[in-house]
């Protein structure tokens, strides 16, 4: 096993990490709503985006298209599902998606 690598970029505590081998990425999210995409092969920073709501409690990366979906919740009764690139949160997906989180 090789030497340990540290990936730096978050300024808030990390809440969730998703590894996607199909796209060779690691995606991490923090309590401030920042989501960072890392190259799994090179172990380097790729890009980041900020969610509309924080903290991010769960995220998933699609194996087919590489799309990233995040779930933020300030309480169990108030969950927001965000798809980066779309103008509004998609509330109708939340009931289905939250079963995976």
C-alpha atoms as a PDB file:
ATOM      1  CA  UNK A   1       0.000   0.000   0.000  1.00  0.00           C
ATOM      2  CA  UNK A   2       1.306   3.456  -0.940  1.00  0.00           C
ATOM      3  CA  UNK A   3       1.835   6.504   1.201  1.00  0.00           C
ATOM      4  CA  UNK A   4      -1.209   8.285   2.616  1.00  0.00           C
ATOM      5  CA  UNK A   5      -2.510  11.285   0.643  1.00  0.00           C
ATOM      6  CA  UNK A   6      -4.340  14.241   2.129  1.00  0.00           C
ATOM      7  CA  UNK A   7      -6.937  16.051   0.037  1.00  0.00           C
ATOM      8  CA  UNK A   8      -7.462  19.606   1.264  1.00  0.00           C
ATOM      9  CA  UNK A   9     -10.226  21.967   0.273  1.00  0.00           C
ATOM     10  CA  UNK A  10     -12.991  21.941   2.874  1.00  0.00           C
ATOM     11  CA  UNK A  11     -13.101  24.626   5.548  1.00  0.00           C
ATOM     12  CA  UNK A  12     -16.094  23.071   7.348  1.00  0.00           C
ATOM     13  CA  UNK A  13     -16.446  19.525   8.727  1.00  0.00           C
ATOM     14  CA  UNK A  14     -17.095  16.894   6.045  1.00  0.00           C
ATOM     15  CA  UNK A  15     -20.513  15.263   6.344  1.00  0.00           C
ATOM     16  CA  UNK A  16     -20.493  12.732   3.507  1.00  0.00           C
ATOM     17  CA  UNK A  17     -18.199  11.170   0.906  1.00  0.00           C
ATOM     18  CA  UNK A  18     -19.168   9.225  -2.227  1.00  0.00           C
ATOM     19  CA  UNK A  19     -16.712   7.212  -4.338  1.00  0.00           C
ATOM     20  CA  UNK A  20     -17.740   6.636  -7.945  1.00  0.00           C
ATOM     21  CA  UNK A  21     -15.476   4.192  -9.776  1.00  0.00           C
ATOM     22  CA  UNK A  22     -17.356   4.533 -13.092  1.00  0.00           C
ATOM     23  CA  UNK A  23     -16.191   8.160 -13.400  1.00  0.00           C
ATOM     24  CA  UNK A  24     -13.078   7.776 -11.221  1.00  0.00           C
ATOM     25  CA  UNK A  25     -14.134  10.508  -8.816  1.00  0.00           C
ATOM     26  CA  UNK A  26     -14.546  11.050  -5.113  1.00  0.00           C
ATOM     27  CA  UNK A  27     -17.170  13.621  -4.147  1.00  0.00           C
ATOM     28  CA  UNK A  28     -17.200  15.095  -0.646  1.00  0.00           C
ATOM     29  CA  UNK A  29     -19.569  17.569   1.017  1.00  0.00           C
ATOM     30  CA  UNK A  30     -19.433  19.619   4.191  1.00  0.00           C
ATOM     31  CA  UNK A  31     -21.620  21.407   6.719  1.00  0.00           C
ATOM     32  CA  UNK A  32     -21.175  24.704   4.861  1.00  0.00           C
ATOM     33  CA  UNK A  33     -22.772  23.342   1.680  1.00  0.00           C
ATOM     34  CA  UNK A  34     -19.563  23.014  -0.352  1.00  0.00           C
ATOM     35  CA  UNK A  35     -19.282  19.937  -2.571  1.00  0.00           C
ATOM     36  CA  UNK A  36     -15.819  19.077  -3.922  1.00  0.00           C
ATOM     37  CA  UNK A  37     -15.045  16.700  -6.787  1.00  0.00           C
ATOM     38  CA  UNK A  38     -11.701  14.874  -6.632  1.00  0.00           C
ATOM     39  CA  UNK A  39      -9.930  12.769  -9.277  1.00  0.00           C
ATOM     40  CA  UNK A  40      -9.736   9.245  -7.867  1.00  0.00           C
ATOM     41  CA  UNK A  41      -6.782   8.191 -10.042  1.00  0.00           C
ATOM     42  CA  UNK A  42      -4.593  11.254  -9.517  1.00  0.00           C
ATOM     43  CA  UNK A  43      -5.929  12.070  -6.021  1.00  0.00           C
ATOM     44  CA  UNK A  44      -6.247  15.748  -6.954  1.00  0.00           C
ATOM     45  CA  UNK A  45      -8.876  18.494  -6.859  1.00  0.00           C
ATOM     46  CA  UNK A  46     -11.134  18.762  -9.943  1.00  0.00           C
ATOM     47  CA  UNK A  47     -13.868  21.295  -9.149  1.00  0.00           C
ATOM     48  CA  UNK A  48     -16.382  22.410  -6.539  1.00  0.00           C
ATOM     49  CA  UNK A  49     -19.857  23.918  -6.222  1.00  0.00           C
ATOM     50  CA  UNK A  50     -21.926  25.388  -3.411  1.00  0.00           C
ATOM     51  CA  UNK A  51     -25.387  24.016  -2.631  1.00  0.00           C
ATOM     52  CA  UNK A  52     -28.369  26.247  -1.969  1.00  0.00           C
ATOM     53  CA  UNK A  53     -28.912  24.668   1.430  1.00  0.00           C
ATOM     54  CA  UNK A  54     -26.497  23.446   4.066  1.00  0.00           C
ATOM     55  CA  UNK A  55     -25.418  21.229   5.654  1.00  0.00           C
ATOM     56  CA  UNK A  56     -25.262  18.494   3.011  1.00  0.00           C
ATOM     57  CA  UNK A  57     -26.361  15.299   4.747  1.00  0.00           C
ATOM     58  CA  UNK A  58     -26.166  12.920   1.782  1.00  0.00           C
ATOM     59  CA  UNK A  59     -24.990  12.843  -1.832  1.00  0.00           C
ATOM     60  CA  UNK A  60     -24.889  10.398  -4.718  1.00  0.00           C
ATOM     61  CA  UNK A  61     -23.100  10.284  -8.083  1.00  0.00           C
ATOM     62  CA  UNK A  62     -24.854   8.629 -11.018  1.00  0.00           C
ATOM     63  CA  UNK A  63     -22.935   5.691 -12.506  1.00  0.00           C
ATOM     64  CA  UNK A  64     -24.480   6.340 -15.925  1.00  0.00           C
ATOM     65  CA  UNK A  65     -24.127  10.109 -16.439  1.00  0.00           C
ATOM     66  CA  UNK A  66     -21.982  11.269 -13.531  1.00  0.00           C
ATOM     67  CA  UNK A  67     -24.706  13.613 -12.277  1.00  0.00           C
ATOM     68  CA  UNK A  68     -24.426  14.619  -8.625  1.00  0.00           C
ATOM     69  CA  UNK A  69     -27.452  14.974  -6.348  1.00  0.00           C
ATOM     70  CA  UNK A  70     -27.273  16.359  -2.809  1.00  0.00           C
ATOM     71  CA  UNK A  71     -29.680  16.238   0.116  1.00  0.00           C
ATOM     72  CA  UNK A  72     -29.601  18.957   2.760  1.00  0.00           C
ATOM     73  CA  UNK A  73     -31.651  18.966   5.911  1.00  0.00           C
ATOM     74  CA  UNK A  74     -31.855  21.336   8.816  1.00  0.00           C
ATOM     75  CA  UNK A  75     -34.331  19.004  10.501  1.00  0.00           C
ATOM     76  CA  UNK A  76     -36.012  15.679   9.765  1.00  0.00           C
ATOM     77  CA  UNK A  77     -39.101  17.539   8.534  1.00  0.00           C
ATOM     78  CA  UNK A  78     -37.243  19.907   6.186  1.00  0.00           C
ATOM     79  CA  UNK A  79     -35.232  18.115   3.482  1.00  0.00           C
ATOM     80  CA  UNK A  80     -34.081  19.717   0.249  1.00  0.00           C
ATOM     81  CA  UNK A  81     -32.910  17.819  -2.817  1.00  0.00           C
ATOM     82  CA  UNK A  82     -30.609  19.750  -5.157  1.00  0.00           C
ATOM     83  CA  UNK A  83     -29.477  18.958  -8.667  1.00  0.00           C
ATOM     84  CA  UNK A  84     -26.636  21.330  -9.648  1.00  0.00           C
ATOM     85  CA  UNK A  85     -27.356  23.117 -12.914  1.00  0.00           C
ATOM     86  CA  UNK A  86     -31.136  23.143 -12.512  1.00  0.00           C
ATOM     87  CA  UNK A  87     -32.854  26.413 -11.533  1.00  0.00           C
ATOM     88  CA  UNK A  88     -34.936  25.002  -8.650  1.00  0.00           C
ATOM     89  CA  UNK A  89     -34.838  22.154  -6.163  1.00  0.00           C
ATOM     90  CA  UNK A  90     -36.778  19.111  -7.296  1.00  0.00           C
ATOM     91  CA  UNK A  91     -39.033  18.309  -4.357  1.00  0.00           C
ATOM     92  CA  UNK A  92     -40.869  15.394  -6.016  1.00  0.00           C
ATOM     93  CA  UNK A  93     -37.717  13.261  -6.041  1.00  0.00           C
ATOM     94  CA  UNK A  94     -37.021  13.638  -2.324  1.00  0.00           C
ATOM     95  CA  UNK A  95     -39.289  10.828  -1.113  1.00  0.00           C
ATOM     96  CA  UNK A  96     -37.732   8.303  -3.506  1.00  0.00           C
ATOM     97  CA  UNK A  97     -34.157   9.489  -3.145  1.00  0.00           C
ATOM     98  CA  UNK A  98     -34.060   9.731   0.643  1.00  0.00           C
ATOM     99  CA  UNK A  99     -34.435   5.964   0.921  1.00  0.00           C
ATOM    100  CA  UNK A 100     -30.816   5.716  -0.262  1.00  0.00           C
ATOM    101  CA  UNK A 101     -29.450   8.196   2.304  1.00  0.00           C
END
